[in-house]
Amino acid sequence: MKTIVTILLFTLTTALSAQTKYFTRNGTVTFFSSAPMEDITAENYNATSVLDAETGAMEFSILMKSFNFKKALMQEHFNENYVESDKFPKATFKGKVLNMDDIDLSKQGSYPAKVEGEMTIHGVTQKIAPEGTIVVKGEQVILESKFIVKPEDYKIEIPDVVREKIAKEIEVTVKTDLEPLKR
């Protein structure tokens, strides 16, 4: 009998802990550069993201080559000349939702989220503190944020020839629809 109770407790604990993590491989990251000569937009629909609802820990990872541009030449320059995707294939974020205690993932609604962590792009890691929103719809948890990235902060060099075509500040928009992680 003692063995059966132990097995049941272990199974229940495992089931409950599995529901505290949310995951996706299909998050969206978009960046927008507005400059006098030309606006540039790129979209990536393959962001991997995980959120631990118990601790507020979160991670994002995207392949730089998965960004799609309207013009093939822009995409080529982005990967070969600016972010050097062969040398630095991924951008990552590791951080934490600081106000996770104020967010009730069992109740539908929209909650402001204060996030802090480290983002690595082009082999350079910087601390960032973007604000965002966590939207709960049934079992789905949607993370949304918009923040600014400066290429120079990540040692991304913009040649003088195209400097007027690329903004000094890039607007980044993140939206991920997370589902409970099933083990």
N, C-alpha and C. Protein backbone atom coordinates (compact mmCIF):
# COMPACT_ATOMS: atom_id res chain seq x y z
N MET A 1 0.83 -1.20 0.00
CA MET A 1 0.00 0.00 0.00
C MET A 1 0.87 1.25 0.00
N LYS A 2 1.93 1.22 0.81
CA LYS A 2 2.84 2.36 0.90
C LYS A 2 3.46 2.66 -0.47
N THR A 3 3.80 1.62 -1.23
CA THR A 3 4.38 1.77 -2.56
C THR A 3 3.39 2.43 -3.51
N ILE A 4 2.13 2.02 -3.45
CA ILE A 4 1.09 2.59 -4.31
C ILE A 4 0.91 4.08 -4.01
N VAL A 5 0.88 4.45 -2.75
CA VAL A 5 0.74 5.86 -2.36
C VAL A 5 1.93 6.66 -2.87
N THR A 6 3.14 6.11 -2.75
CA THR A 6 4.34 6.79 -3.23
C THR A 6 4.28 7.01 -4.73
N ILE A 7 3.87 5.98 -5.46
CA ILE A 7 3.75 6.09 -6.93
C ILE A 7 2.70 7.14 -7.30
N LEU A 8 1.56 7.13 -6.62
CA LEU A 8 0.51 8.11 -6.91
C LEU A 8 0.99 9.54 -6.62
N LEU A 9 1.67 9.74 -5.50
CA LEU A 9 2.20 11.07 -5.17
C LEU A 9 3.22 11.52 -6.20
N PHE A 10 4.11 10.62 -6.61
CA PHE A 10 5.10 10.95 -7.62
C PHE A 10 4.44 11.33 -8.94
N THR A 11 3.44 10.56 -9.35
CA THR A 11 2.73 10.83 -10.60
C THR A 11 2.01 12.17 -10.53
N LEU A 12 1.34 12.45 -9.44
CA LEU A 12 0.63 13.71 -9.26
C LEU A 12 1.60 14.89 -9.26
N THR A 13 2.71 14.76 -8.57
CA THR A 13 3.73 15.82 -8.52
C THR A 13 4.29 16.09 -9.90
N THR A 14 4.59 15.02 -10.65
CA THR A 14 5.11 15.17 -12.00
C THR A 14 4.09 15.86 -12.90
N ALA A 15 2.82 15.48 -12.81
CA ALA A 15 1.78 16.10 -13.63
C ALA A 15 1.62 17.57 -13.30
N LEU A 16 1.64 17.90 -12.03
CA LEU A 16 1.50 19.30 -11.63
C LEU A 16 2.69 20.13 -12.04
N SER A 17 3.91 19.58 -11.91
CA SER A 17 5.09 20.36 -12.28
C SER A 17 5.17 20.55 -13.78
N ALA A 18 4.66 19.61 -14.58
CA ALA A 18 4.67 19.75 -16.04
C ALA A 18 3.80 20.92 -16.48
N GLN A 19 2.76 21.22 -15.69
CA GLN A 19 1.86 22.30 -16.07
C GLN A 19 2.43 23.68 -15.73
N THR A 20 3.57 23.74 -15.08
CA THR A 20 4.13 25.04 -14.74
C THR A 20 5.04 25.58 -15.84
N LYS A 21 5.29 24.78 -16.86
CA LYS A 21 6.14 25.24 -17.96
C LYS A 21 5.31 25.36 -19.24
N TYR A 22 5.59 26.42 -19.96
CA TYR A 22 4.91 26.70 -21.22
C TYR A 22 5.97 26.84 -22.30
N PHE A 23 5.62 26.43 -23.54
CA PHE A 23 6.64 26.29 -24.57
C PHE A 23 6.08 26.55 -25.97
N THR A 24 6.94 27.03 -26.88
CA THR A 24 6.62 27.10 -28.30
C THR A 24 7.89 27.05 -29.12
N ARG A 25 7.72 26.60 -30.36
CA ARG A 25 8.80 26.66 -31.35
C ARG A 25 8.40 27.60 -32.49
N ASN A 26 7.27 28.27 -32.33
CA ASN A 26 6.71 29.09 -33.40
C ASN A 26 6.46 30.53 -32.98
N GLY A 27 7.29 31.05 -32.12
CA GLY A 27 7.15 32.44 -31.71
C GLY A 27 7.53 33.38 -32.85
N THR A 28 7.03 34.60 -32.79
CA THR A 28 7.31 35.58 -33.82
C THR A 28 8.18 36.71 -33.26
N VAL A 29 9.25 37.01 -34.00
CA VAL A 29 10.09 38.15 -33.68
C VAL A 29 10.19 38.98 -34.96
N THR A 30 9.84 40.25 -34.85
CA THR A 30 9.88 41.16 -35.99
C THR A 30 10.78 42.33 -35.63
N PHE A 31 11.57 42.79 -36.60
CA PHE A 31 12.27 44.04 -36.34
C PHE A 31 11.97 45.03 -37.45
N PHE A 32 11.99 46.30 -37.04
CA PHE A 32 11.65 47.39 -37.95
C PHE A 32 12.68 48.49 -37.79
N SER A 33 13.24 48.91 -38.92
CA SER A 33 14.21 49.99 -38.96
C SER A 33 13.63 51.09 -39.83
N SER A 34 13.40 52.24 -39.25
CA SER A 34 12.88 53.37 -40.00
C SER A 34 13.99 54.40 -40.18
N ALA A 35 14.37 54.63 -41.43
CA ALA A 35 15.43 55.58 -41.74
C ALA A 35 14.95 56.45 -42.91
N PRO A 36 15.55 57.64 -43.09
CA PRO A 36 15.11 58.53 -44.16
C PRO A 36 15.13 57.91 -45.55
N MET A 37 16.11 57.06 -45.82
CA MET A 37 16.22 56.48 -47.16
C MET A 37 15.28 55.30 -47.40
N GLU A 38 15.03 54.50 -46.34
CA GLU A 38 14.25 53.28 -46.54
C GLU A 38 13.86 52.66 -45.21
N ASP A 39 12.63 52.12 -45.15
CA ASP A 39 12.20 51.34 -43.99
C ASP A 39 12.54 49.88 -44.27
N ILE A 40 12.98 49.19 -43.23
CA ILE A 40 13.34 47.78 -43.35
C ILE A 40 12.58 46.99 -42.29
N THR A 41 11.93 45.92 -42.75
CA THR A 41 11.21 45.03 -41.85
C THR A 41 11.66 43.60 -42.11
N ALA A 42 11.83 42.85 -41.04
CA ALA A 42 12.14 41.42 -41.18
C ALA A 42 11.35 40.66 -40.13
N GLU A 43 10.94 39.45 -40.50
CA GLU A 43 10.11 38.64 -39.60
C GLU A 43 10.71 37.25 -39.46
N ASN A 44 10.59 36.71 -38.26
CA ASN A 44 11.07 35.37 -37.95
C ASN A 44 9.94 34.67 -37.20
N TYR A 45 9.47 33.55 -37.76
CA TYR A 45 8.34 32.83 -37.16
C TYR A 45 8.78 31.54 -36.48
N ASN A 46 10.06 31.44 -36.16
CA ASN A 46 10.60 30.21 -35.60
C ASN A 46 11.30 30.41 -34.26
N ALA A 47 10.82 31.36 -33.48
CA ALA A 47 11.43 31.59 -32.17
C ALA A 47 11.01 30.48 -31.21
N THR A 48 11.98 29.93 -30.53
CA THR A 48 11.72 28.94 -29.50
C THR A 48 11.69 29.68 -28.17
N SER A 49 10.69 29.37 -27.37
CA SER A 49 10.55 30.08 -26.10
C SER A 49 9.99 29.14 -25.04
N VAL A 50 10.45 29.35 -23.80
CA VAL A 50 9.94 28.59 -22.68
C VAL A 50 9.76 29.53 -21.49
N LEU A 51 8.68 29.33 -20.76
CA LEU A 51 8.39 30.10 -19.55
C LEU A 51 8.11 29.13 -18.42
N ASP A 52 8.81 29.30 -17.31
CA ASP A 52 8.53 28.53 -16.10
C ASP A 52 7.64 29.40 -15.23
N ALA A 53 6.36 29.05 -15.17
CA ALA A 53 5.38 29.86 -14.44
C ALA A 53 5.64 29.90 -12.95
N GLU A 54 6.30 28.90 -12.44
CA GLU A 54 6.58 28.84 -11.01
C GLU A 54 7.66 29.84 -10.59
N THR A 55 8.71 29.95 -11.41
CA THR A 55 9.85 30.82 -11.06
C THR A 55 9.87 32.13 -11.84
N GLY A 56 9.15 32.17 -12.97
CA GLY A 56 9.20 33.35 -13.84
C GLY A 56 10.36 33.32 -14.82
N ALA A 57 11.19 32.28 -14.76
CA ALA A 57 12.32 32.16 -15.67
C ALA A 57 11.81 31.99 -17.10
N MET A 58 12.49 32.68 -18.04
CA MET A 58 12.10 32.55 -19.44
C MET A 58 13.34 32.56 -20.32
N GLU A 59 13.22 31.89 -21.47
CA GLU A 59 14.30 31.87 -22.44
C GLU A 59 13.71 31.94 -23.84
N PHE A 60 14.44 32.61 -24.72
CA PHE A 60 14.10 32.70 -26.13
C PHE A 60 15.35 32.36 -26.93
N SER A 61 15.15 31.78 -28.09
CA SER A 61 16.24 31.51 -28.99
C SER A 61 15.71 31.60 -30.42
N ILE A 62 16.47 32.30 -31.28
CA ILE A 62 16.08 32.40 -32.68
C ILE A 62 17.30 32.23 -33.57
N LEU A 63 17.09 31.56 -34.68
CA LEU A 63 18.14 31.46 -35.69
C LEU A 63 18.10 32.72 -36.54
N MET A 64 19.24 33.36 -36.67
CA MET A 64 19.31 34.63 -37.41
C MET A 64 18.95 34.43 -38.89
N LYS A 65 19.30 33.28 -39.44
CA LYS A 65 18.99 33.03 -40.86
C LYS A 65 17.51 32.82 -41.11
N SER A 66 16.71 32.72 -40.05
CA SER A 66 15.27 32.53 -40.21
C SER A 66 14.51 33.84 -40.38
N PHE A 67 15.22 34.98 -40.33
CA PHE A 67 14.56 36.26 -40.59
C PHE A 67 14.29 36.36 -42.09
N ASN A 68 13.07 36.76 -42.43
CA ASN A 68 12.68 36.94 -43.83
C ASN A 68 12.49 38.41 -44.12
N PHE A 69 13.10 38.86 -45.21
CA PHE A 69 13.02 40.25 -45.66
C PHE A 69 12.22 40.31 -46.96
N LYS A 70 11.71 41.49 -47.29
CA LYS A 70 10.98 41.65 -48.55
C LYS A 70 11.92 41.56 -49.74
N LYS A 71 13.16 42.00 -49.55
CA LYS A 71 14.15 41.97 -50.63
C LYS A 71 15.25 40.97 -50.28
N ALA A 72 15.52 40.05 -51.23
CA ALA A 72 16.53 39.01 -51.01
C ALA A 72 17.91 39.60 -50.72
N LEU A 73 18.23 40.72 -51.36
CA LEU A 73 19.54 41.35 -51.16
C LEU A 73 19.70 41.86 -49.73
N MET A 74 18.61 42.39 -49.16
CA MET A 74 18.65 42.83 -47.75
C MET A 74 18.93 41.64 -46.84
N GLN A 75 18.28 40.54 -47.10
CA GLN A 75 18.46 39.34 -46.30
C GLN A 75 19.91 38.84 -46.40
N GLU A 76 20.44 38.86 -47.59
CA GLU A 76 21.83 38.43 -47.80
C GLU A 76 22.80 39.34 -47.04
N HIS A 77 22.62 40.65 -47.16
CA HIS A 77 23.49 41.59 -46.45
C HIS A 77 23.36 41.45 -44.93
N PHE A 78 22.13 41.28 -44.46
CA PHE A 78 21.88 41.10 -43.03
C PHE A 78 22.68 39.90 -42.51
N ASN A 79 22.58 38.77 -43.19
CA ASN A 79 23.23 37.54 -42.72
C ASN A 79 24.73 37.54 -42.93
N GLU A 80 25.21 38.05 -44.06
CA GLU A 80 26.63 37.97 -44.36
C GLU A 80 27.44 39.14 -43.80
N ASN A 81 26.90 40.36 -43.88
CA ASN A 81 27.69 41.54 -43.54
C ASN A 81 27.44 42.09 -42.15
N TYR A 82 26.22 41.97 -41.65
CA TYR A 82 25.90 42.63 -40.38
C TYR A 82 25.92 41.68 -39.20
N VAL A 83 25.01 40.71 -39.15
CA VAL A 83 24.96 39.82 -37.99
C VAL A 83 25.86 38.60 -38.13
N GLU A 84 26.44 38.41 -39.32
CA GLU A 84 27.38 37.31 -39.57
C GLU A 84 26.81 35.98 -39.05
N SER A 85 25.69 35.59 -39.66
CA SER A 85 24.93 34.43 -39.20
C SER A 85 25.70 33.12 -39.18
N ASP A 86 26.67 32.95 -40.07
CA ASP A 86 27.46 31.72 -40.04
C ASP A 86 28.33 31.65 -38.79
N LYS A 87 28.83 32.81 -38.36
CA LYS A 87 29.69 32.87 -37.17
C LYS A 87 28.87 32.95 -35.88
N PHE A 88 27.73 33.67 -35.93
CA PHE A 88 26.85 33.86 -34.78
C PHE A 88 25.43 33.46 -35.18
N PRO A 89 25.13 32.16 -35.23
CA PRO A 89 23.87 31.69 -35.80
C PRO A 89 22.61 32.02 -35.00
N LYS A 90 22.74 32.25 -33.69
CA LYS A 90 21.55 32.45 -32.86
C LYS A 90 21.60 33.76 -32.09
N ALA A 91 20.40 34.25 -31.79
CA ALA A 91 20.22 35.31 -30.80
C ALA A 91 19.44 34.67 -29.67
N THR A 92 19.80 35.02 -28.43
CA THR A 92 19.14 34.41 -27.29
C THR A 92 18.77 35.46 -26.25
N PHE A 93 17.79 35.13 -25.44
CA PHE A 93 17.44 35.93 -24.28
C PHE A 93 17.21 34.96 -23.12
N LYS A 94 17.84 35.26 -22.00
CA LYS A 94 17.61 34.49 -20.78
C LYS A 94 17.30 35.49 -19.68
N GLY A 95 16.13 35.32 -19.08
CA GLY A 95 15.75 36.29 -18.06
C GLY A 95 14.65 35.77 -17.17
N LYS A 96 13.95 36.74 -16.59
CA LYS A 96 12.93 36.39 -15.60
C LYS A 96 11.83 37.44 -15.60
N VAL A 97 10.60 36.98 -15.42
CA VAL A 97 9.47 37.88 -15.19
C VAL A 97 9.53 38.24 -13.71
N LEU A 98 9.81 39.50 -13.42
CA LEU A 98 10.02 39.92 -12.03
C LEU A 98 8.74 39.96 -11.20
N ASN A 99 7.62 40.19 -11.85
CA ASN A 99 6.35 40.30 -11.12
C ASN A 99 5.44 39.09 -11.37
N MET A 100 6.02 37.90 -11.47
CA MET A 100 5.26 36.68 -11.75
C MET A 100 4.19 36.42 -10.68
N ASP A 101 4.44 36.86 -9.46
CA ASP A 101 3.45 36.66 -8.38
C ASP A 101 2.16 37.44 -8.63
N ASP A 102 2.21 38.48 -9.47
CA ASP A 102 1.03 39.30 -9.78
C ASP A 102 0.25 38.76 -10.98
N ILE A 103 0.75 37.69 -11.60
CA ILE A 103 0.14 37.15 -12.82
C ILE A 103 -0.49 35.80 -12.51
N ASP A 104 -1.80 35.70 -12.76
CA ASP A 104 -2.54 34.48 -12.47
C ASP A 104 -2.79 33.73 -13.78
N LEU A 105 -1.97 32.72 -14.05
CA LEU A 105 -2.09 31.97 -15.30
C LEU A 105 -3.30 31.05 -15.34
N SER A 106 -4.01 30.95 -14.22
CA SER A 106 -5.24 30.14 -14.20
C SER A 106 -6.47 30.98 -14.50
N LYS A 107 -6.27 32.29 -14.68
CA LYS A 107 -7.39 33.19 -14.91
C LYS A 107 -7.15 33.98 -16.19
N GLN A 108 -8.11 33.92 -17.11
CA GLN A 108 -7.98 34.64 -18.38
C GLN A 108 -7.85 36.13 -18.13
N GLY A 109 -7.03 36.76 -18.95
CA GLY A 109 -6.85 38.20 -18.83
C GLY A 109 -5.51 38.64 -19.36
N SER A 110 -5.27 39.93 -19.24
CA SER A 110 -4.03 40.54 -19.71
C SER A 110 -3.31 41.14 -18.51
N TYR A 111 -2.03 40.82 -18.39
CA TYR A 111 -1.25 41.24 -17.23
C TYR A 111 0.02 41.94 -17.68
N PRO A 112 0.35 43.10 -17.08
CA PRO A 112 1.63 43.74 -17.40
C PRO A 112 2.76 42.88 -16.82
N ALA A 113 3.86 42.77 -17.58
CA ALA A 113 4.99 41.96 -17.14
C ALA A 113 6.26 42.80 -17.15
N LYS A 114 6.98 42.75 -16.04
CA LYS A 114 8.29 43.39 -15.94
C LYS A 114 9.34 42.29 -16.08
N VAL A 115 10.17 42.43 -17.10
CA VAL A 115 11.14 41.39 -17.42
C VAL A 115 12.55 41.96 -17.34
N GLU A 116 13.46 41.12 -16.90
CA GLU A 116 14.86 41.52 -16.83
C GLU A 116 15.69 40.31 -17.25
N GLY A 117 16.77 40.57 -18.00
CA GLY A 117 17.61 39.45 -18.40
C GLY A 117 18.74 39.89 -19.29
N GLU A 118 19.32 38.91 -19.97
CA GLU A 118 20.45 39.15 -20.85
C GLU A 118 20.13 38.67 -22.25
N MET A 119 20.37 39.56 -23.22
CA MET A 119 20.17 39.21 -24.62
C MET A 119 21.54 39.13 -25.29
N THR A 120 21.71 38.08 -26.09
CA THR A 120 22.96 37.90 -26.82
C THR A 120 22.66 37.93 -28.31
N ILE A 121 23.32 38.85 -28.99
CA ILE A 121 23.23 38.98 -30.44
C ILE A 121 24.65 39.20 -30.94
N HIS A 122 25.01 38.56 -32.03
CA HIS A 122 26.32 38.80 -32.66
C HIS A 122 27.46 38.51 -31.68
N GLY A 123 27.22 37.56 -30.76
CA GLY A 123 28.24 37.19 -29.80
C GLY A 123 28.42 38.15 -28.63
N VAL A 124 27.58 39.17 -28.55
CA VAL A 124 27.68 40.18 -27.50
C VAL A 124 26.45 40.07 -26.61
N THR A 125 26.67 40.06 -25.31
CA THR A 125 25.57 39.94 -24.34
C THR A 125 25.37 41.28 -23.63
N GLN A 126 24.12 41.72 -23.58
CA GLN A 126 23.75 42.97 -22.92
C GLN A 126 22.58 42.71 -21.98
N LYS A 127 22.56 43.41 -20.86
CA LYS A 127 21.40 43.34 -19.97
C LYS A 127 20.31 44.21 -20.55
N ILE A 128 19.08 43.69 -20.52
CA ILE A 128 17.93 44.47 -20.96
C ILE A 128 16.78 44.27 -19.97
N ALA A 129 15.86 45.22 -19.97
CA ALA A 129 14.70 45.15 -19.07
C ALA A 129 13.45 45.60 -19.82
N PRO A 130 13.02 44.80 -20.80
CA PRO A 130 11.83 45.19 -21.56
C PRO A 130 10.55 44.95 -20.76
N GLU A 131 9.58 45.80 -20.96
CA GLU A 131 8.27 45.56 -20.37
C GLU A 131 7.43 44.86 -21.41
N GLY A 132 6.46 44.14 -20.96
CA GLY A 132 5.62 43.41 -21.89
C GLY A 132 4.27 43.11 -21.29
N THR A 133 3.60 42.19 -21.94
CA THR A 133 2.27 41.79 -21.51
C THR A 133 2.19 40.27 -21.59
N ILE A 134 1.54 39.70 -20.60
CA ILE A 134 1.22 38.27 -20.63
C ILE A 134 -0.29 38.16 -20.70
N VAL A 135 -0.77 37.52 -21.76
CA VAL A 135 -2.20 37.35 -21.98
C VAL A 135 -2.52 35.86 -21.78
N VAL A 136 -3.51 35.58 -20.96
CA VAL A 136 -3.93 34.21 -20.71
C VAL A 136 -5.25 33.98 -21.43
N LYS A 137 -5.28 32.96 -22.31
CA LYS A 137 -6.49 32.56 -23.03
C LYS A 137 -6.61 31.06 -22.89
N GLY A 138 -7.46 30.62 -22.00
CA GLY A 138 -7.58 29.19 -21.74
C GLY A 138 -6.26 28.65 -21.21
N GLU A 139 -5.73 27.61 -21.87
CA GLU A 139 -4.43 27.06 -21.48
C GLU A 139 -3.27 27.78 -22.14
N GLN A 140 -3.57 28.64 -23.09
CA GLN A 140 -2.53 29.34 -23.84
C GLN A 140 -2.04 30.58 -23.08
N VAL A 141 -0.71 30.77 -23.09
CA VAL A 141 -0.09 31.94 -22.49
C VAL A 141 0.63 32.69 -23.60
N ILE A 142 0.23 33.94 -23.83
CA ILE A 142 0.79 34.74 -24.92
C ILE A 142 1.71 35.80 -24.32
N LEU A 143 2.97 35.80 -24.75
CA LEU A 143 3.94 36.79 -24.31
C LEU A 143 4.11 37.82 -25.41
N GLU A 144 4.01 39.10 -25.06
CA GLU A 144 4.16 40.17 -26.04
C GLU A 144 5.07 41.25 -25.47
N SER A 145 5.96 41.77 -26.32
CA SER A 145 6.84 42.85 -25.89
C SER A 145 7.32 43.62 -27.11
N LYS A 146 7.62 44.88 -26.89
CA LYS A 146 8.20 45.73 -27.92
C LYS A 146 9.30 46.53 -27.25
N PHE A 147 10.50 46.51 -27.84
CA PHE A 147 11.63 47.22 -27.24
C PHE A 147 12.61 47.64 -28.33
N ILE A 148 13.59 48.44 -27.95
CA ILE A 148 14.56 49.00 -28.89
C ILE A 148 15.91 48.30 -28.72
N VAL A 149 16.55 48.00 -29.85
CA VAL A 149 17.90 47.45 -29.88
C VAL A 149 18.76 48.37 -30.73
N LYS A 150 19.94 48.68 -30.24
CA LYS A 150 20.90 49.49 -30.99
C LYS A 150 21.98 48.54 -31.54
N PRO A 151 22.13 48.46 -32.87
CA PRO A 151 23.15 47.57 -33.45
C PRO A 151 24.54 47.80 -32.87
N GLU A 152 24.89 49.05 -32.60
CA GLU A 152 26.23 49.34 -32.07
C GLU A 152 26.45 48.71 -30.70
N ASP A 153 25.38 48.51 -29.90
CA ASP A 153 25.51 47.87 -28.59
C ASP A 153 25.94 46.40 -28.72
N TYR A 154 25.71 45.82 -29.89
CA TYR A 154 26.05 44.42 -30.13
C TYR A 154 27.19 44.28 -31.15
N LYS A 155 27.94 45.37 -31.30
CA LYS A 155 29.11 45.41 -32.20
C LYS A 155 28.76 45.00 -33.62
N ILE A 156 27.57 45.40 -34.06
CA ILE A 156 27.16 45.18 -35.44
C ILE A 156 27.54 46.45 -36.19
N GLU A 157 28.48 46.32 -37.09
CA GLU A 157 28.99 47.48 -37.83
C GLU A 157 28.16 47.71 -39.09
N ILE A 158 27.77 48.97 -39.28
CA ILE A 158 27.01 49.36 -40.46
C ILE A 158 27.97 50.18 -41.34
N PRO A 159 28.26 49.71 -42.55
CA PRO A 159 29.18 50.46 -43.43
C PRO A 159 28.63 51.85 -43.76
N ASP A 160 29.53 52.81 -43.94
CA ASP A 160 29.14 54.19 -44.25
C ASP A 160 28.23 54.27 -45.48
N VAL A 161 28.46 53.41 -46.46
CA VAL A 161 27.69 53.43 -47.71
C VAL A 161 26.19 53.26 -47.47
N VAL A 162 25.80 52.46 -46.47
CA VAL A 162 24.38 52.21 -46.21
C VAL A 162 23.92 52.77 -44.86
N ARG A 163 24.76 53.52 -44.21
CA ARG A 163 24.43 54.04 -42.87
C ARG A 163 23.11 54.81 -42.85
N GLU A 164 22.79 55.53 -43.92
CA GLU A 164 21.54 56.31 -43.94
C GLU A 164 20.31 55.44 -44.21
N LYS A 165 20.52 54.20 -44.62
CA LYS A 165 19.40 53.30 -44.89
C LYS A 165 18.99 52.49 -43.67
N ILE A 166 19.85 52.48 -42.65
CA ILE A 166 19.58 51.67 -41.46
C ILE A 166 19.54 52.57 -40.24
N ALA A 167 18.47 52.47 -39.48
CA ALA A 167 18.30 53.31 -38.29
C ALA A 167 19.31 52.93 -37.21
N LYS A 168 19.61 53.89 -36.35
CA LYS A 168 20.52 53.63 -35.23
C LYS A 168 19.83 52.84 -34.13
N GLU A 169 18.51 52.88 -34.14
CA GLU A 169 17.71 52.12 -33.19
C GLU A 169 16.72 51.26 -33.96
N ILE A 170 16.68 49.98 -33.63
CA ILE A 170 15.80 49.02 -34.28
C ILE A 170 14.68 48.64 -33.32
N GLU A 171 13.44 48.73 -33.78
CA GLU A 171 12.30 48.34 -32.96
C GLU A 171 12.08 46.83 -33.10
N VAL A 172 12.09 46.13 -31.99
CA VAL A 172 11.90 44.68 -31.99
C VAL A 172 10.55 44.37 -31.34
N THR A 173 9.76 43.54 -31.99
CA THR A 173 8.46 43.12 -31.46
C THR A 173 8.49 41.60 -31.31
N VAL A 174 8.09 41.14 -30.14
CA VAL A 174 8.08 39.71 -29.84
C VAL A 174 6.65 39.31 -29.48
N LYS A 175 6.19 38.19 -30.07
CA LYS A 175 4.88 37.63 -29.71
C LYS A 175 5.00 36.11 -29.79
N THR A 176 4.78 35.48 -28.66
CA THR A 176 4.84 34.02 -28.63
C THR A 176 3.56 33.47 -27.99
N ASP A 177 2.99 32.48 -28.64
CA ASP A 177 1.82 31.79 -28.11
C ASP A 177 2.30 30.48 -27.51
N LEU A 178 2.40 30.45 -26.19
CA LEU A 178 2.94 29.28 -25.50
C LEU A 178 1.82 28.32 -25.11
N GLU A 179 2.13 27.06 -25.15
CA GLU A 179 1.21 26.00 -24.73
C GLU A 179 1.83 25.28 -23.53
N PRO A 180 1.03 24.65 -22.68
CA PRO A 180 1.61 23.88 -21.58
C PRO A 180 2.58 22.83 -22.13
N LEU A 181 3.75 22.73 -21.51
CA LEU A 181 4.75 21.75 -21.91
C LEU A 181 4.30 20.37 -21.45
N LYS A 182 4.19 19.48 -22.39
CA LYS A 182 3.75 18.12 -22.07
C LYS A 182 4.98 17.22 -22.09
N ARG A 183 5.10 16.43 -21.05
CA ARG A 183 6.28 15.54 -20.96
C ARG A 183 5.91 14.13 -21.28
